[in-house]
């Protein structure tokens, strides 16, 4: 068991003992969480805690409702990285705030409003259009192309207040996991290599990774149990 715990932590470097325990149980190990914790500490695998941030009160807009099902509310943002050569990359990140399912992670060298529209339309035609997408005030998200696309598809763009990242906390948390578990653990030799590795992580995140917020299930199970959304645009 020690060997397996070490293997899990070597491949999933940001896993704590609770998530390791979930993986072990899935694999058929009959072990309680206290034993996993003891072995985890003996092997020196515990994560280093970051310096706690100063606690402040944050209040979202009163009219913002929680998502009640898949494709109800998506959150969207950009993450920046680079190739091994130093050339910059931008990744469009999207997550469903109810199921935690990530419908797309799109890697490009640069992004414009029309590129965001093309990516969203490609994905939405396959899995359905969300009712609302939470975004910041970035130029790509406030563009005419984005505004027209949302109007034609009946999608509400819910903009965060300037300087208030807590207004879009779901995507901030997702981006943190994406950086820790994928971007920080890989070298990208070229754009195709980056696309392949990012997509592999997205599939793992959706299909296998246990999420404590949804009962240590992978998002795909909650998405299926929540019912499918029609892939056609709403009138």
C-alpha atoms as a PDB file:
ATOM      1  CA  UNK A   1       0.000   0.000   0.000  1.00  0.00           C
ATOM      2  CA  UNK A   2       2.861   2.397   0.754  1.00  0.00           C
ATOM      3  CA  UNK A   3       4.142   1.911  -2.766  1.00  0.00           C
ATOM      4  CA  UNK A   4       0.727   2.658  -4.283  1.00  0.00           C
ATOM      5  CA  UNK A   5       0.243   5.782  -2.159  1.00  0.00           C
ATOM      6  CA  UNK A   6       3.663   7.017  -3.241  1.00  0.00           C
ATOM      7  CA  UNK A   7       2.840   6.309  -6.901  1.00  0.00           C
ATOM      8  CA  UNK A   8      -0.420   8.275  -6.673  1.00  0.00           C
ATOM      9  CA  UNK A   9       1.325  11.263  -5.102  1.00  0.00           C
ATOM     10  CA  UNK A  10       4.128  11.180  -7.668  1.00  0.00           C
ATOM     11  CA  UNK A  11       1.659  11.438 -10.548  1.00  0.00           C
ATOM     12  CA  UNK A  12      -0.865  13.718  -8.790  1.00  0.00           C
ATOM     13  CA  UNK A  13       1.439  16.030  -6.911  1.00  0.00           C
ATOM     14  CA  UNK A  14      -1.287  18.231  -5.418  1.00  0.00           C
ATOM     15  CA  UNK A  15      -3.313  15.400  -3.894  1.00  0.00           C
ATOM     16  CA  UNK A  16      -3.809  15.426  -0.124  1.00  0.00           C
ATOM     17  CA  UNK A  17      -4.394  12.267   1.908  1.00  0.00           C
ATOM     18  CA  UNK A  18      -8.198  12.518   1.631  1.00  0.00           C
ATOM     19  CA  UNK A  19      -8.146  12.432  -2.154  1.00  0.00           C
ATOM     20  CA  UNK A  20      -5.535   9.655  -2.084  1.00  0.00           C
ATOM     21  CA  UNK A  21      -7.924   7.671   0.130  1.00  0.00           C
ATOM     22  CA  UNK A  22     -10.735   8.115  -2.413  1.00  0.00           C
ATOM     23  CA  UNK A  23      -8.497   6.797  -5.209  1.00  0.00           C
ATOM     24  CA  UNK A  24      -7.450   3.792  -3.121  1.00  0.00           C
ATOM     25  CA  UNK A  25     -11.068   2.912  -2.317  1.00  0.00           C
ATOM     26  CA  UNK A  26     -11.953   3.111  -6.005  1.00  0.00           C
ATOM     27  CA  UNK A  27      -9.155   0.653  -6.724  1.00  0.00           C
ATOM     28  CA  UNK A  28     -10.515  -1.826  -4.182  1.00  0.00           C
ATOM     29  CA  UNK A  29      -8.202  -1.206  -1.230  1.00  0.00           C
ATOM     30  CA  UNK A  30      -9.915  -1.938   2.110  1.00  0.00           C
ATOM     31  CA  UNK A  31      -8.311   0.788   4.200  1.00  0.00           C
ATOM     32  CA  UNK A  32      -9.601   3.538   6.479  1.00  0.00           C
ATOM     33  CA  UNK A  33      -8.628   7.158   6.098  1.00  0.00           C
ATOM     34  CA  UNK A  34      -6.655   7.250   9.367  1.00  0.00           C
ATOM     35  CA  UNK A  35      -4.236   4.620   8.098  1.00  0.00           C
ATOM     36  CA  UNK A  36      -3.830   6.479   4.804  1.00  0.00           C
ATOM     37  CA  UNK A  37      -3.089   9.655   6.746  1.00  0.00           C
ATOM     38  CA  UNK A  38      -0.457   7.887   8.881  1.00  0.00           C
ATOM     39  CA  UNK A  39       1.328   6.405   5.862  1.00  0.00           C
ATOM     40  CA  UNK A  40       1.021   9.698   3.990  1.00  0.00           C
ATOM     41  CA  UNK A  41       2.841  11.501   6.811  1.00  0.00           C
ATOM     42  CA  UNK A  42       5.420   8.759   7.241  1.00  0.00           C
ATOM     43  CA  UNK A  43       6.362   9.128   3.584  1.00  0.00           C
ATOM     44  CA  UNK A  44       6.665  12.904   3.988  1.00  0.00           C
ATOM     45  CA  UNK A  45       4.060  13.587   1.342  1.00  0.00           C
ATOM     46  CA  UNK A  46       2.042  16.262   3.128  1.00  0.00           C
ATOM     47  CA  UNK A  47       1.473  19.442   1.157  1.00  0.00           C
ATOM     48  CA  UNK A  48       3.006  22.697   2.265  1.00  0.00           C
ATOM     49  CA  UNK A  49       0.331  25.157   3.271  1.00  0.00           C
ATOM     50  CA  UNK A  50       0.496  28.561   1.669  1.00  0.00           C
ATOM     51  CA  UNK A  51       0.727  31.666   3.796  1.00  0.00           C
ATOM     52  CA  UNK A  52      -2.897  32.442   4.731  1.00  0.00           C
ATOM     53  CA  UNK A  53      -4.340  35.429   2.986  1.00  0.00           C
ATOM     54  CA  UNK A  54      -5.862  38.287   4.909  1.00  0.00           C
ATOM     55  CA  UNK A  55      -9.538  37.566   5.422  1.00  0.00           C
ATOM     56  CA  UNK A  56     -11.956  40.114   4.040  1.00  0.00           C
ATOM     57  CA  UNK A  57     -15.712  40.153   3.614  1.00  0.00           C
ATOM     58  CA  UNK A  58     -17.010  39.822   0.086  1.00  0.00           C
ATOM     59  CA  UNK A  59     -20.613  40.112  -1.013  1.00  0.00           C
ATOM     60  CA  UNK A  60     -21.894  39.171  -4.443  1.00  0.00           C
ATOM     61  CA  UNK A  61     -24.735  40.926  -6.182  1.00  0.00           C
ATOM     62  CA  UNK A  62     -28.096  40.219  -4.546  1.00  0.00           C
ATOM     63  CA  UNK A  63     -29.727  39.124  -7.814  1.00  0.00           C
ATOM     64  CA  UNK A  64     -27.190  36.384  -8.566  1.00  0.00           C
ATOM     65  CA  UNK A  65     -28.773  32.941  -8.190  1.00  0.00           C
ATOM     66  CA  UNK A  66     -26.973  29.656  -7.609  1.00  0.00           C
ATOM     67  CA  UNK A  67     -26.857  27.077 -10.389  1.00  0.00           C
ATOM     68  CA  UNK A  68     -29.500  24.357  -9.988  1.00  0.00           C
ATOM     69  CA  UNK A  69     -28.389  21.956 -12.720  1.00  0.00           C
ATOM     70  CA  UNK A  70     -25.840  21.251 -15.472  1.00  0.00           C
ATOM     71  CA  UNK A  71     -25.560  23.962 -18.155  1.00  0.00           C
ATOM     72  CA  UNK A  72     -27.281  26.452 -15.865  1.00  0.00           C
ATOM     73  CA  UNK A  73     -24.226  28.613 -15.107  1.00  0.00           C
ATOM     74  CA  UNK A  74     -20.772  28.424 -16.660  1.00  0.00           C
ATOM     75  CA  UNK A  75     -17.720  30.419 -15.576  1.00  0.00           C
ATOM     76  CA  UNK A  76     -15.008  31.460 -18.035  1.00  0.00           C
ATOM     77  CA  UNK A  77     -11.569  33.063 -17.908  1.00  0.00           C
ATOM     78  CA  UNK A  78      -8.043  32.969 -19.360  1.00  0.00           C
ATOM     79  CA  UNK A  79      -4.886  31.373 -17.962  1.00  0.00           C
ATOM     80  CA  UNK A  80      -1.426  32.294 -19.232  1.00  0.00           C
ATOM     81  CA  UNK A  81       1.580  30.008 -19.664  1.00  0.00           C
ATOM     82  CA  UNK A  82       4.434  29.500 -22.100  1.00  0.00           C
ATOM     83  CA  UNK A  83       6.260  26.968 -24.242  1.00  0.00           C
ATOM     84  CA  UNK A  84       9.699  25.647 -23.325  1.00  0.00           C
ATOM     85  CA  UNK A  85      11.041  28.184 -25.839  1.00  0.00           C
ATOM     86  CA  UNK A  86       9.449  31.043 -23.896  1.00  0.00           C
ATOM     87  CA  UNK A  87       6.673  31.785 -26.386  1.00  0.00           C
ATOM     88  CA  UNK A  88       3.501  32.830 -24.579  1.00  0.00           C
ATOM     89  CA  UNK A  89       0.332  30.759 -24.476  1.00  0.00           C
ATOM     90  CA  UNK A  90      -3.237  31.627 -23.541  1.00  0.00           C
ATOM     91  CA  UNK A  91      -5.748  29.033 -22.410  1.00  0.00           C
ATOM     92  CA  UNK A  92      -9.487  29.697 -22.427  1.00  0.00           C
ATOM     93  CA  UNK A  93     -10.861  27.904 -19.360  1.00  0.00           C
ATOM     94  CA  UNK A  94     -14.553  27.082 -18.879  1.00  0.00           C
ATOM     95  CA  UNK A  95     -16.237  25.246 -15.994  1.00  0.00           C
ATOM     96  CA  UNK A  96     -19.858  24.389 -15.166  1.00  0.00           C
ATOM     97  CA  UNK A  97     -20.433  25.768 -11.637  1.00  0.00           C
ATOM     98  CA  UNK A  98     -23.020  23.097 -10.776  1.00  0.00           C
ATOM     99  CA  UNK A  99     -21.382  19.880 -11.953  1.00  0.00           C
ATOM    100  CA  UNK A 100     -17.751  21.163 -11.977  1.00  0.00           C
ATOM    101  CA  UNK A 101     -17.503  19.711 -15.501  1.00  0.00           C
ATOM    102  CA  UNK A 102     -15.075  21.537 -17.793  1.00  0.00           C
ATOM    103  CA  UNK A 103     -16.538  21.600 -21.320  1.00  0.00           C
ATOM    104  CA  UNK A 104     -13.386  23.021 -22.914  1.00  0.00           C
ATOM    105  CA  UNK A 105      -9.796  24.101 -22.312  1.00  0.00           C
ATOM    106  CA  UNK A 106      -8.618  25.775 -25.518  1.00  0.00           C
ATOM    107  CA  UNK A 107      -4.922  26.607 -25.983  1.00  0.00           C
ATOM    108  CA  UNK A 108      -3.783  29.270 -28.449  1.00  0.00           C
ATOM    109  CA  UNK A 109      -0.974  31.757 -28.874  1.00  0.00           C
ATOM    110  CA  UNK A 110      -3.440  34.658 -28.894  1.00  0.00           C
ATOM    111  CA  UNK A 111      -7.154  35.171 -28.411  1.00  0.00           C
ATOM    112  CA  UNK A 112      -9.670  37.669 -29.741  1.00  0.00           C
ATOM    113  CA  UNK A 113     -13.370  38.013 -29.143  1.00  0.00           C
ATOM    114  CA  UNK A 114     -14.189  36.168 -32.360  1.00  0.00           C
ATOM    115  CA  UNK A 115     -11.951  33.274 -31.249  1.00  0.00           C
ATOM    116  CA  UNK A 116     -13.865  32.964 -27.973  1.00  0.00           C
ATOM    117  CA  UNK A 117     -17.123  32.869 -29.934  1.00  0.00           C
ATOM    118  CA  UNK A 118     -15.808  30.172 -32.281  1.00  0.00           C
ATOM    119  CA  UNK A 119     -14.665  27.987 -29.374  1.00  0.00           C
ATOM    120  CA  UNK A 120     -17.916  28.390 -27.437  1.00  0.00           C
ATOM    121  CA  UNK A 121     -20.100  27.699 -30.448  1.00  0.00           C
ATOM    122  CA  UNK A 122     -18.142  24.553 -31.276  1.00  0.00           C
ATOM    123  CA  UNK A 123     -18.540  23.236 -27.735  1.00  0.00           C
ATOM    124  CA  UNK A 124     -22.152  24.319 -27.216  1.00  0.00           C
ATOM    125  CA  UNK A 125     -23.334  22.658 -30.409  1.00  0.00           C
ATOM    126  CA  UNK A 126     -22.097  19.406 -28.898  1.00  0.00           C
ATOM    127  CA  UNK A 127     -23.225  19.621 -25.241  1.00  0.00           C
ATOM    128  CA  UNK A 128     -25.765  22.449 -25.144  1.00  0.00           C
ATOM    129  CA  UNK A 129     -25.859  26.181 -24.454  1.00  0.00           C
ATOM    130  CA  UNK A 130     -25.648  27.499 -20.889  1.00  0.00           C
ATOM    131  CA  UNK A 131     -28.214  29.917 -19.520  1.00  0.00           C
ATOM    132  CA  UNK A 132     -25.522  32.176 -18.039  1.00  0.00           C
ATOM    133  CA  UNK A 133     -21.759  32.601 -18.392  1.00  0.00           C
ATOM    134  CA  UNK A 134     -19.834  34.455 -15.677  1.00  0.00           C
ATOM    135  CA  UNK A 135     -16.907  36.429 -17.055  1.00  0.00           C
ATOM    136  CA  UNK A 136     -14.667  39.344 -16.104  1.00  0.00           C
ATOM    137  CA  UNK A 137     -14.329  42.650 -17.938  1.00  0.00           C
ATOM    138  CA  UNK A 138     -11.635  41.412 -20.341  1.00  0.00           C
ATOM    139  CA  UNK A 139     -11.642  42.868 -23.833  1.00  0.00           C
ATOM    140  CA  UNK A 140     -12.433  39.474 -25.400  1.00  0.00           C
ATOM    141  CA  UNK A 141     -15.549  39.086 -23.249  1.00  0.00           C
ATOM    142  CA  UNK A 142     -16.957  42.598 -23.774  1.00  0.00           C
ATOM    143  CA  UNK A 143     -16.397  42.517 -27.537  1.00  0.00           C
ATOM    144  CA  UNK A 144     -19.170  42.983 -30.096  1.00  0.00           C
ATOM    145  CA  UNK A 145     -18.667  39.435 -31.335  1.00  0.00           C
ATOM    146  CA  UNK A 146     -19.270  38.023 -27.860  1.00  0.00           C
ATOM    147  CA  UNK A 147     -22.247  40.267 -27.217  1.00  0.00           C
ATOM    148  CA  UNK A 148     -23.913  39.326 -30.514  1.00  0.00           C
ATOM    149  CA  UNK A 149     -23.273  35.614 -29.991  1.00  0.00           C
ATOM    150  CA  UNK A 150     -24.827  35.706 -26.509  1.00  0.00           C
ATOM    151  CA  UNK A 151     -27.863  37.660 -27.748  1.00  0.00           C
ATOM    152  CA  UNK A 152     -28.516  35.280 -30.645  1.00  0.00           C
ATOM    153  CA  UNK A 153     -28.172  32.173 -28.443  1.00  0.00           C
ATOM    154  CA  UNK A 154     -30.161  33.475 -25.488  1.00  0.00           C
ATOM    155  CA  UNK A 155     -27.126  33.347 -23.162  1.00  0.00           C
ATOM    156  CA  UNK A 156     -26.771  35.893 -20.352  1.00  0.00           C
ATOM    157  CA  UNK A 157     -23.265  37.303 -19.823  1.00  0.00           C
ATOM    158  CA  UNK A 158     -22.829  37.940 -16.095  1.00  0.00           C
ATOM    159  CA  UNK A 159     -19.891  40.330 -15.716  1.00  0.00           C
ATOM    160  CA  UNK A 160     -17.810  40.510 -12.552  1.00  0.00           C
ATOM    161  CA  UNK A 161     -17.317  43.875 -10.926  1.00  0.00           C
ATOM    162  CA  UNK A 162     -13.903  45.429 -11.703  1.00  0.00           C
ATOM    163  CA  UNK A 163     -11.323  44.378  -9.126  1.00  0.00           C
ATOM    164  CA  UNK A 164     -13.631  41.747  -7.585  1.00  0.00           C
ATOM    165  CA  UNK A 165     -12.274  38.268  -8.493  1.00  0.00           C
ATOM    166  CA  UNK A 166     -14.553  36.764  -5.817  1.00  0.00           C
ATOM    167  CA  UNK A 167     -17.478  37.512  -8.136  1.00  0.00           C
ATOM    168  CA  UNK A 168     -16.193  34.607 -10.258  1.00  0.00           C
ATOM    169  CA  UNK A 169     -14.765  32.394  -7.522  1.00  0.00           C
ATOM    170  CA  UNK A 170     -15.561  29.101  -9.286  1.00  0.00           C
ATOM    171  CA  UNK A 171     -13.276  29.815 -12.230  1.00  0.00           C
ATOM    172  CA  UNK A 172     -10.567  31.211  -9.941  1.00  0.00           C
ATOM    173  CA  UNK A 173     -10.556  27.941  -7.978  1.00  0.00           C
ATOM    174  CA  UNK A 174     -10.609  25.866 -11.167  1.00  0.00           C
ATOM    175  CA  UNK A 175      -7.728  27.816 -12.668  1.00  0.00           C
ATOM    176  CA  UNK A 176      -5.694  27.245  -9.507  1.00  0.00           C
ATOM    177  CA  UNK A 177      -6.158  23.472  -9.772  1.00  0.00           C
ATOM    178  CA  UNK A 178      -5.444  23.551 -13.494  1.00  0.00           C
ATOM    179  CA  UNK A 179      -2.166  25.387 -12.915  1.00  0.00           C
ATOM    180  CA  UNK A 180      -1.062  23.195 -10.002  1.00  0.00           C
ATOM    181  CA  UNK A 181      -1.971  19.845 -11.536  1.00  0.00           C
ATOM    182  CA  UNK A 182      -1.249  20.462 -15.225  1.00  0.00           C
ATOM    183  CA  UNK A 183       0.607  23.618 -16.213  1.00  0.00           C
ATOM    184  CA  UNK A 184       3.161  23.414 -13.403  1.00  0.00           C
ATOM    185  CA  UNK A 185       3.888  19.731 -14.020  1.00  0.00           C
ATOM    186  CA  UNK A 186       4.559  19.776 -17.782  1.00  0.00           C
ATOM    187  CA  UNK A 187       6.948  21.265 -20.300  1.00  0.00           C
ATOM    188  CA  UNK A 188       5.230  22.214 -23.544  1.00  0.00           C
ATOM    189  CA  UNK A 189       7.474  21.827 -26.589  1.00  0.00           C
ATOM    190  CA  UNK A 190       5.054  23.328 -29.108  1.00  0.00           C
ATOM    191  CA  UNK A 191       1.386  24.280 -29.453  1.00  0.00           C
ATOM    192  CA  UNK A 192       0.298  20.782 -30.469  1.00  0.00           C
ATOM    193  CA  UNK A 193       2.079  19.299 -27.455  1.00  0.00           C
ATOM    194  CA  UNK A 194       0.391  21.823 -25.138  1.00  0.00           C
ATOM    195  CA  UNK A 195      -3.045  21.078 -26.620  1.00  0.00           C
ATOM    196  CA  UNK A 196      -2.553  17.329 -26.192  1.00  0.00           C
ATOM    197  CA  UNK A 197      -1.417  17.532 -22.555  1.00  0.00           C
ATOM    198  CA  UNK A 198      -4.056  20.073 -21.545  1.00  0.00           C
ATOM    199  CA  UNK A 199      -6.819  18.014 -23.158  1.00  0.00           C
ATOM    200  CA  UNK A 200      -5.566  14.863 -21.399  1.00  0.00           C
ATOM    201  CA  UNK A 201      -5.789  16.668 -18.056  1.00  0.00           C
ATOM    202  CA  UNK A 202      -9.286  17.986 -18.866  1.00  0.00           C
ATOM    203  CA  UNK A 203     -10.502  14.465 -19.593  1.00  0.00           C
ATOM    204  CA  UNK A 204      -8.958  13.186 -16.383  1.00  0.00           C
ATOM    205  CA  UNK A 205     -10.515  16.099 -14.447  1.00  0.00           C
ATOM    206  CA  UNK A 206     -13.971  15.359 -15.876  1.00  0.00           C
ATOM    207  CA  UNK A 207     -13.938  11.559 -15.892  1.00  0.00           C
ATOM    208  CA  UNK A 208     -11.797  10.421 -12.964  1.00  0.00           C
ATOM    209  CA  UNK A 209     -10.677  13.128 -10.556  1.00  0.00           C
ATOM    210  CA  UNK A 210     -12.613  13.019  -7.253  1.00  0.00           C
ATOM    211  CA  UNK A 211     -14.145  16.374  -6.265  1.00  0.00           C
ATOM    212  CA  UNK A 212     -14.861  16.943  -2.588  1.00  0.00           C
ATOM    213  CA  UNK A 213     -17.512  19.591  -3.380  1.00  0.00           C
ATOM    214  CA  UNK A 214     -19.692  16.997  -5.140  1.00  0.00           C
ATOM    215  CA  UNK A 215     -19.207  14.002  -2.847  1.00  0.00           C
ATOM    216  CA  UNK A 216     -15.818  12.888  -4.204  1.00  0.00           C
ATOM    217  CA  UNK A 217     -17.373  12.044  -7.563  1.00  0.00           C
ATOM    218  CA  UNK A 218     -15.971  12.977 -10.962  1.00  0.00           C
ATOM    219  CA  UNK A 219     -18.020  15.707 -12.701  1.00  0.00           C
ATOM    220  CA  UNK A 220     -19.171  13.385 -15.476  1.00  0.00           C
ATOM    221  CA  UNK A 221     -21.372  11.420 -13.040  1.00  0.00           C
ATOM    222  CA  UNK A 222     -23.161  14.538 -11.810  1.00  0.00           C
ATOM    223  CA  UNK A 223     -23.544  15.800 -15.363  1.00  0.00           C
ATOM    224  CA  UNK A 224     -25.192  12.551 -16.447  1.00  0.00           C
ATOM    225  CA  UNK A 225     -27.441  12.316 -13.401  1.00  0.00           C
ATOM    226  CA  UNK A 226     -28.492  15.936 -13.835  1.00  0.00           C
ATOM    227  CA  UNK A 227     -29.847  15.228 -17.300  1.00  0.00           C
ATOM    228  CA  UNK A 228     -28.674  16.427 -20.690  1.00  0.00           C
ATOM    229  CA  UNK A 229     -29.350  19.863 -22.057  1.00  0.00           C
ATOM    230  CA  UNK A 230     -30.631  20.218 -25.592  1.00  0.00           C
ATOM    231  CA  UNK A 231     -27.799  21.040 -27.997  1.00  0.00           C
ATOM    232  CA  UNK A 232     -29.933  23.423 -30.006  1.00  0.00           C
ATOM    233  CA  UNK A 233     -29.917  27.187 -29.273  1.00  0.00           C
ATOM    234  CA  UNK A 234     -32.821  28.500 -27.262  1.00  0.00           C
ATOM    235  CA  UNK A 235     -35.209  30.796 -29.063  1.00  0.00           C
END
